[in-house]
Amino acid sequence: MSLTSLKARLIEGLAPADQWRADGAATRSDFDLNPGASRWVEGPLKPAAVLIPVLVTRDGPSVILTRRADSLARHTGQIAFPGGRLDAGETAVQAALREAREEVDLDPALVQVLGLSDPYETGTGYLVTPVVGWIEAEPALVASPDEVAEIFRTPWDFLMDPSNHSRDHLEAPDGARRWYWSMTWQERYIWGATAGIIRGLRHRLYGEEDDLPAAVAEDAA
């Protein structure tokens, strides 16, 4: 697919940014592979946003991702999109661009916001809005040492190829088996909410979502 066709598909397939609502509902979640599971924190969902930065390169489109700093209290070392909680009065787009500036020094002027992917609920109690941005000028990125250990790029085609997507699991303290999506790019293990958001974006653009394997459905029930 050409860059022009990809950009057109994104614009057509994503929700317009001005349709975002603070009280929107999740259409994807950490529980998609775990029917009957519930959040392990109480209270209302906390609004958050991430930026999915699609970068135009000579080798085709790639997606900018980060590895979180080892010093963070939560999600240490995990692969993530730039993002975080919304500040008071912010929209999802404003928060995603602000967080990208704070985490990797991405200039918001370089980002053309194309739209929003499916809101995603995490088991830790966040409602995450994925904001898809298109970047044509090579950005000079600098990782914030307090938040980001590494900035890297993963080819768009790799992330959108379902043959690279796996269903993995971990054993929860209560003995339940928790399933999640994952994909490994080189030595980087992309999993959990980040992988789930990627899967949601792929389905929104291309469809063809697989049924759950029987073993997963049985263990998750």
C-alpha atoms as a PDB file:
ATOM      1  CA  MET A   1       0.000   0.000   0.000  1.00  0.00           C
ATOM      2  CA  SER A   2       1.340   3.438  -0.923  1.00  0.00           C
ATOM      3  CA  LEU A   3       1.763   6.162   1.661  1.00  0.00           C
ATOM      4  CA  THR A   4      -1.016   8.131  -0.002  1.00  0.00           C
ATOM      5  CA  SER A   5      -3.380   5.149   0.179  1.00  0.00           C
ATOM      6  CA  LEU A   6      -2.472   4.471   3.801  1.00  0.00           C
ATOM      7  CA  LYS A   7      -3.102   8.044   4.823  1.00  0.00           C
ATOM      8  CA  ALA A   8      -6.451   8.023   3.034  1.00  0.00           C
ATOM      9  CA  ARG A   9      -7.407   4.741   4.737  1.00  0.00           C
ATOM     10  CA  LEU A  10      -6.531   6.179   8.137  1.00  0.00           C
ATOM     11  CA  ILE A  11      -8.583   9.309   7.580  1.00  0.00           C
ATOM     12  CA  GLU A  12     -11.544   7.251   6.372  1.00  0.00           C
ATOM     13  CA  GLY A  13     -11.316   4.570   9.039  1.00  0.00           C
ATOM     14  CA  LEU A  14     -10.636   6.638  12.152  1.00  0.00           C
ATOM     15  CA  ALA A  15     -13.142   8.625  14.169  1.00  0.00           C
ATOM     16  CA  PRO A  16     -12.847  12.395  13.655  1.00  0.00           C
ATOM     17  CA  ALA A  17     -10.955  14.033  16.507  1.00  0.00           C
ATOM     18  CA  ASP A  18     -13.769  16.511  17.141  1.00  0.00           C
ATOM     19  CA  GLN A  19     -16.108  13.632  18.002  1.00  0.00           C
ATOM     20  CA  TRP A  20     -14.146  12.797  21.156  1.00  0.00           C
ATOM     21  CA  ARG A  21     -16.163  12.930  24.363  1.00  0.00           C
ATOM     22  CA  ALA A  22     -14.832  12.853  27.903  1.00  0.00           C
ATOM     23  CA  ASP A  23     -17.652  10.510  28.909  1.00  0.00           C
ATOM     24  CA  GLY A  24     -17.148   8.081  26.014  1.00  0.00           C
ATOM     25  CA  ALA A  25     -17.147   4.314  26.507  1.00  0.00           C
ATOM     26  CA  ALA A  26     -14.461   1.753  25.763  1.00  0.00           C
ATOM     27  CA  THR A  27     -14.882  -0.522  22.761  1.00  0.00           C
ATOM     28  CA  ARG A  28     -11.668  -2.474  23.481  1.00  0.00           C
ATOM     29  CA  SER A  29     -10.193  -3.588  26.769  1.00  0.00           C
ATOM     30  CA  ASP A  30      -7.779  -5.795  28.680  1.00  0.00           C
ATOM     31  CA  PHE A  31     -10.775  -8.076  29.180  1.00  0.00           C
ATOM     32  CA  ASP A  32     -11.410  -8.896  25.519  1.00  0.00           C
ATOM     33  CA  LEU A  33      -9.432 -12.127  25.922  1.00  0.00           C
ATOM     34  CA  ASN A  34     -10.636 -12.637  29.491  1.00  0.00           C
ATOM     35  CA  PRO A  35     -14.449 -12.747  29.577  1.00  0.00           C
ATOM     36  CA  GLY A  36     -15.765 -12.382  33.096  1.00  0.00           C
ATOM     37  CA  ALA A  37     -12.623 -10.701  34.453  1.00  0.00           C
ATOM     38  CA  SER A  38     -12.881  -7.292  36.077  1.00  0.00           C
ATOM     39  CA  ARG A  39     -10.653  -4.361  36.877  1.00  0.00           C
ATOM     40  CA  TRP A  40      -8.391  -4.772  39.872  1.00  0.00           C
ATOM     41  CA  VAL A  41      -8.907  -1.156  40.975  1.00  0.00           C
ATOM     42  CA  GLU A  42     -12.154   0.478  42.041  1.00  0.00           C
ATOM     43  CA  GLY A  43     -13.670   3.810  41.117  1.00  0.00           C
ATOM     44  CA  PRO A  44     -14.450   5.594  37.851  1.00  0.00           C
ATOM     45  CA  LEU A  45     -12.181   5.195  34.858  1.00  0.00           C
ATOM     46  CA  LYS A  46      -9.438   7.814  34.588  1.00  0.00           C
ATOM     47  CA  PRO A  47      -9.247   9.448  31.136  1.00  0.00           C
ATOM     48  CA  ALA A  48      -5.948   9.092  29.303  1.00  0.00           C
ATOM     49  CA  ALA A  49      -4.642   9.360  25.760  1.00  0.00           C
ATOM     50  CA  VAL A  50      -1.737   8.025  23.728  1.00  0.00           C
ATOM     51  CA  LEU A  51      -0.269   9.207  20.464  1.00  0.00           C
ATOM     52  CA  ILE A  52       0.277   6.631  17.720  1.00  0.00           C
ATOM     53  CA  PRO A  53       2.889   8.510  15.647  1.00  0.00           C
ATOM     54  CA  VAL A  54       3.010   7.166  12.077  1.00  0.00           C
ATOM     55  CA  LEU A  55       6.279   8.356  10.568  1.00  0.00           C
ATOM     56  CA  VAL A  56       6.912   8.553   6.838  1.00  0.00           C
ATOM     57  CA  THR A  57      10.352   7.145   5.970  1.00  0.00           C
ATOM     58  CA  ARG A  58      12.210   6.086   2.837  1.00  0.00           C
ATOM     59  CA  ASP A  59      11.521   2.475   3.758  1.00  0.00           C
ATOM     60  CA  GLY A  60       7.813   3.039   4.247  1.00  0.00           C
ATOM     61  CA  PRO A  61       5.700   4.003   7.239  1.00  0.00           C
ATOM     62  CA  SER A  62       6.860   3.172  10.739  1.00  0.00           C
ATOM     63  CA  VAL A  63       5.434   3.740  14.204  1.00  0.00           C
ATOM     64  CA  ILE A  64       7.340   5.483  16.992  1.00  0.00           C
ATOM     65  CA  LEU A  65       7.280   3.563  20.271  1.00  0.00           C
ATOM     66  CA  THR A  66       9.087   3.924  23.575  1.00  0.00           C
ATOM     67  CA  ARG A  67      10.454   1.687  26.296  1.00  0.00           C
ATOM     68  CA  ARG A  68       9.507   3.076  29.665  1.00  0.00           C
ATOM     69  CA  ALA A  69      12.240   4.007  32.124  1.00  0.00           C
ATOM     70  CA  ASP A  70      13.331   1.410  34.652  1.00  0.00           C
ATOM     71  CA  SER A  71      12.943   3.966  37.454  1.00  0.00           C
ATOM     72  CA  LEU A  72       9.175   4.377  37.012  1.00  0.00           C
ATOM     73  CA  ALA A  73       6.887   3.079  39.735  1.00  0.00           C
ATOM     74  CA  ARG A  74       4.488   1.422  37.264  1.00  0.00           C
ATOM     75  CA  HIS A  75       4.896  -0.472  33.990  1.00  0.00           C
ATOM     76  CA  THR A  76       8.670  -0.374  34.332  1.00  0.00           C
ATOM     77  CA  GLY A  77      10.479  -1.193  31.086  1.00  0.00           C
ATOM     78  CA  GLN A  78       7.303  -1.878  29.128  1.00  0.00           C
ATOM     79  CA  ILE A  79       6.828  -0.838  25.518  1.00  0.00           C
ATOM     80  CA  ALA A  80       4.374   2.023  25.164  1.00  0.00           C
ATOM     81  CA  PHE A  81       3.132   4.835  22.999  1.00  0.00           C
ATOM     82  CA  PRO A  82       3.795   8.352  24.265  1.00  0.00           C
ATOM     83  CA  GLY A  83       0.856   9.257  26.452  1.00  0.00           C
ATOM     84  CA  GLY A  84      -0.667   9.618  29.871  1.00  0.00           C
ATOM     85  CA  ARG A  85      -3.538  11.023  31.888  1.00  0.00           C
ATOM     86  CA  LEU A  86      -5.552  13.996  30.731  1.00  0.00           C
ATOM     87  CA  ASP A  87      -5.066  17.230  32.639  1.00  0.00           C
ATOM     88  CA  ALA A  88      -8.167  19.141  33.665  1.00  0.00           C
ATOM     89  CA  GLY A  89      -9.903  20.676  30.672  1.00  0.00           C
ATOM     90  CA  GLU A  90      -7.793  18.827  28.080  1.00  0.00           C
ATOM     91  CA  THR A  91      -9.077  16.886  25.113  1.00  0.00           C
ATOM     92  CA  ALA A  92      -7.552  13.546  24.149  1.00  0.00           C
ATOM     93  CA  VAL A  93      -5.653  15.166  21.265  1.00  0.00           C
ATOM     94  CA  GLN A  94      -4.244  17.903  23.485  1.00  0.00           C
ATOM     95  CA  ALA A  95      -3.124  15.372  26.085  1.00  0.00           C
ATOM     96  CA  ALA A  96      -1.538  13.020  23.542  1.00  0.00           C
ATOM     97  CA  LEU A  97       0.454  15.829  21.917  1.00  0.00           C
ATOM     98  CA  ARG A  98       1.492  17.258  25.286  1.00  0.00           C
ATOM     99  CA  GLU A  99       2.669  13.893  26.576  1.00  0.00           C
ATOM    100  CA  ALA A 100       4.602  13.227  23.361  1.00  0.00           C
ATOM    101  CA  ARG A 101       6.343  16.573  23.786  1.00  0.00           C
ATOM    102  CA  GLU A 102       7.153  15.807  27.419  1.00  0.00           C
ATOM    103  CA  GLU A 103       8.313  12.222  26.886  1.00  0.00           C
ATOM    104  CA  VAL A 104      10.205  12.345  23.580  1.00  0.00           C
ATOM    105  CA  ASP A 105      10.298  16.083  22.721  1.00  0.00           C
ATOM    106  CA  LEU A 106       8.093  15.596  19.660  1.00  0.00           C
ATOM    107  CA  ASP A 107       7.150  19.005  18.259  1.00  0.00           C
ATOM    108  CA  PRO A 108       3.324  19.101  17.960  1.00  0.00           C
ATOM    109  CA  ALA A 109       3.702  21.240  14.828  1.00  0.00           C
ATOM    110  CA  LEU A 110       5.132  18.202  13.023  1.00  0.00           C
ATOM    111  CA  VAL A 111       2.079  16.049  13.774  1.00  0.00           C
ATOM    112  CA  GLN A 112      -1.006  16.000  11.580  1.00  0.00           C
ATOM    113  CA  VAL A 113      -3.751  14.424  13.656  1.00  0.00           C
ATOM    114  CA  LEU A 114      -5.735  12.076  11.411  1.00  0.00           C
ATOM    115  CA  GLY A 115      -8.292  10.813  13.915  1.00  0.00           C
ATOM    116  CA  LEU A 116      -9.009   8.530  16.841  1.00  0.00           C
ATOM    117  CA  SER A 117      -8.929   4.768  17.171  1.00  0.00           C
ATOM    118  CA  ASP A 118     -11.030   2.651  19.549  1.00  0.00           C
ATOM    119  CA  PRO A 119     -11.068   3.771  23.215  1.00  0.00           C
ATOM    120  CA  TYR A 120      -9.355   1.134  25.360  1.00  0.00           C
ATOM    121  CA  GLU A 121     -10.053   0.236  28.999  1.00  0.00           C
ATOM    122  CA  THR A 122      -7.134  -1.061  31.048  1.00  0.00           C
ATOM    123  CA  GLY A 123      -7.281  -3.311  34.063  1.00  0.00           C
ATOM    124  CA  THR A 124      -5.600  -0.543  36.043  1.00  0.00           C
ATOM    125  CA  GLY A 125      -8.614   1.711  35.577  1.00  0.00           C
ATOM    126  CA  TYR A 126      -7.758   3.964  32.634  1.00  0.00           C
ATOM    127  CA  LEU A 127      -9.865   4.785  29.592  1.00  0.00           C
ATOM    128  CA  VAL A 128      -7.248   5.380  26.905  1.00  0.00           C
ATOM    129  CA  THR A 129      -8.026   7.223  23.673  1.00  0.00           C
ATOM    130  CA  PRO A 130      -5.526   6.412  20.886  1.00  0.00           C
ATOM    131  CA  VAL A 131      -4.789   9.492  18.760  1.00  0.00           C
ATOM    132  CA  VAL A 132      -3.239   8.721  15.367  1.00  0.00           C
ATOM    133  CA  GLY A 133      -0.779  11.291  14.076  1.00  0.00           C
ATOM    134  CA  TRP A 134       0.936  11.509  10.673  1.00  0.00           C
ATOM    135  CA  ILE A 135       4.530  12.791  10.588  1.00  0.00           C
ATOM    136  CA  GLU A 136       6.277  13.591   7.317  1.00  0.00           C
ATOM    137  CA  ALA A 137       9.254  15.630   8.560  1.00  0.00           C
ATOM    138  CA  GLU A 138      11.974  13.701  10.382  1.00  0.00           C
ATOM    139  CA  PRO A 139      11.620  14.623  14.078  1.00  0.00           C
ATOM    140  CA  ALA A 140      14.598  15.244  16.342  1.00  0.00           C
ATOM    141  CA  LEU A 141      13.463  13.187  19.322  1.00  0.00           C
ATOM    142  CA  VAL A 142      15.021  13.257  22.776  1.00  0.00           C
ATOM    143  CA  ALA A 143      13.926  10.861  25.507  1.00  0.00           C
ATOM    144  CA  SER A 144      12.969  12.327  28.864  1.00  0.00           C
ATOM    145  CA  PRO A 145      15.287  10.377  31.211  1.00  0.00           C
ATOM    146  CA  ASP A 146      12.685  10.295  33.989  1.00  0.00           C
ATOM    147  CA  GLU A 147      10.113   8.575  31.776  1.00  0.00           C
ATOM    148  CA  VAL A 148      11.680   6.968  28.707  1.00  0.00           C
ATOM    149  CA  ALA A 149      14.621   4.582  28.441  1.00  0.00           C
ATOM    150  CA  GLU A 150      14.513   4.170  24.647  1.00  0.00           C
ATOM    151  CA  ILE A 151      12.808   5.512  21.524  1.00  0.00           C
ATOM    152  CA  PHE A 152      12.538   3.167  18.563  1.00  0.00           C
ATOM    153  CA  ARG A 153      10.594   2.605  15.359  1.00  0.00           C
ATOM    154  CA  THR A 154       8.672  -0.440  14.255  1.00  0.00           C
ATOM    155  CA  PRO A 155       7.506  -0.884  10.651  1.00  0.00           C
ATOM    156  CA  TRP A 156       3.809  -0.282  10.129  1.00  0.00           C
ATOM    157  CA  ASP A 157       3.514  -3.432   8.021  1.00  0.00           C
ATOM    158  CA  PHE A 158       4.949  -5.558  10.840  1.00  0.00           C
ATOM    159  CA  LEU A 159       2.478  -4.210  13.394  1.00  0.00           C
ATOM    160  CA  MET A 160      -0.495  -4.624  11.065  1.00  0.00           C
ATOM    161  CA  ASP A 161       0.383  -8.210  10.051  1.00  0.00           C
ATOM    162  CA  PRO A 162      -1.746 -10.593  12.176  1.00  0.00           C
ATOM    163  CA  SER A 163       0.825 -13.358  11.705  1.00  0.00           C
ATOM    164  CA  ASN A 164       3.039 -11.338  14.064  1.00  0.00           C
ATOM    165  CA  HIS A 165       0.359 -11.208  16.776  1.00  0.00           C
ATOM    166  CA  SER A 166       0.299 -13.795  19.557  1.00  0.00           C
ATOM    167  CA  ARG A 167      -1.964 -14.557  22.479  1.00  0.00           C
ATOM    168  CA  ASP A 168       0.172 -14.996  25.590  1.00  0.00           C
ATOM    169  CA  HIS A 169      -0.788 -15.357  29.213  1.00  0.00           C
ATOM    170  CA  LEU A 170       0.387 -14.960  32.769  1.00  0.00           C
ATOM    171  CA  GLU A 171      -0.767 -16.544  35.994  1.00  0.00           C
ATOM    172  CA  ALA A 172      -2.480 -14.042  38.291  1.00  0.00           C
ATOM    173  CA  PRO A 173      -1.974 -14.202  42.095  1.00  0.00           C
ATOM    174  CA  ASP A 174      -5.459 -15.671  42.436  1.00  0.00           C
ATOM    175  CA  GLY A 175      -4.489 -18.530  40.136  1.00  0.00           C
ATOM    176  CA  ALA A 176      -6.491 -17.279  37.154  1.00  0.00           C
ATOM    177  CA  ARG A 177      -4.871 -17.294  33.737  1.00  0.00           C
ATOM    178  CA  ARG A 178      -4.872 -13.845  32.159  1.00  0.00           C
ATOM    179  CA  TRP A 179      -4.543 -13.630  28.386  1.00  0.00           C
ATOM    180  CA  TYR A 180      -3.171 -10.706  26.431  1.00  0.00           C
ATOM    181  CA  TRP A 181      -1.979  -9.803  22.947  1.00  0.00           C
ATOM    182  CA  SER A 182       1.720  -9.555  22.183  1.00  0.00           C
ATOM    183  CA  MET A 183       4.129  -9.051  19.288  1.00  0.00           C
ATOM    184  CA  THR A 184       7.916  -9.122  19.268  1.00  0.00           C
ATOM    185  CA  TRP A 185       9.871  -6.717  17.088  1.00  0.00           C
ATOM    186  CA  GLN A 186      13.548  -7.663  17.147  1.00  0.00           C
ATOM    187  CA  GLU A 187      14.257  -8.049  20.881  1.00  0.00           C
ATOM    188  CA  ARG A 188      11.403  -5.777  21.986  1.00  0.00           C
ATOM    189  CA  TYR A 189       8.344  -7.441  23.486  1.00  0.00           C
ATOM    190  CA  ILE A 190       5.200  -5.400  22.851  1.00  0.00           C
ATOM    191  CA  TRP A 191       2.317  -6.623  24.987  1.00  0.00           C
ATOM    192  CA  GLY A 192      -0.692  -5.757  27.106  1.00  0.00           C
ATOM    193  CA  ALA A 193      -2.580  -2.535  26.443  1.00  0.00           C
ATOM    194  CA  THR A 194      -0.102  -1.343  23.794  1.00  0.00           C
ATOM    195  CA  ALA A 195      -0.518  -4.538  21.780  1.00  0.00           C
ATOM    196  CA  GLY A 196      -4.274  -4.445  22.360  1.00  0.00           C
ATOM    197  CA  ILE A 197      -4.459  -0.892  21.011  1.00  0.00           C
ATOM    198  CA  ILE A 198      -2.472  -1.966  17.947  1.00  0.00           C
ATOM    199  CA  ARG A 199      -4.872  -4.871  17.399  1.00  0.00           C
ATOM    200  CA  GLY A 200      -7.816  -2.507  17.729  1.00  0.00           C
ATOM    201  CA  LEU A 201      -6.354  -0.148  15.160  1.00  0.00           C
ATOM    202  CA  ARG A 202      -5.680  -2.994  12.753  1.00  0.00           C
ATOM    203  CA  HIS A 203      -9.228  -4.272  13.045  1.00  0.00           C
ATOM    204  CA  ARG A 204     -10.662  -0.811  12.582  1.00  0.00           C
ATOM    205  CA  LEU A 205      -8.683  -0.322   9.365  1.00  0.00           C
ATOM    206  CA  TYR A 206      -8.625  -3.814   7.871  1.00  0.00           C
ATOM    207  CA  GLY A 207     -11.193  -5.969   9.653  1.00  0.00           C
ATOM    208  CA  GLU A 208     -10.607  -9.736   9.621  1.00  0.00           C
ATOM    209  CA  GLU A 209     -10.513 -10.215  13.379  1.00  0.00           C
ATOM    210  CA  ASP A 210      -9.977 -13.861  14.280  1.00  0.00           C
ATOM    211  CA  ASP A 211     -12.227 -15.842  16.583  1.00  0.00           C
ATOM    212  CA  LEU A 212     -10.723 -16.831  19.920  1.00  0.00           C
ATOM    213  CA  PRO A 213      -9.104 -20.245  20.021  1.00  0.00           C
ATOM    214  CA  ALA A 214     -11.137 -22.687  22.076  1.00  0.00           C
ATOM    215  CA  ALA A 215      -8.361 -23.065  24.655  1.00  0.00           C
ATOM    216  CA  VAL A 216      -8.258 -19.319  25.277  1.00  0.00           C
ATOM    217  CA  ALA A 217     -12.022 -19.029  25.512  1.00  0.00           C
ATOM    218  CA  GLU A 218     -12.236 -21.894  27.991  1.00  0.00           C
ATOM    219  CA  ASP A 219      -9.440 -20.611  30.240  1.00  0.00           C
ATOM    220  CA  ALA A 220     -10.754 -17.059  30.140  1.00  0.00           C
ATOM    221  CA  ALA A 221     -14.320 -17.998  30.996  1.00  0.00           C
END
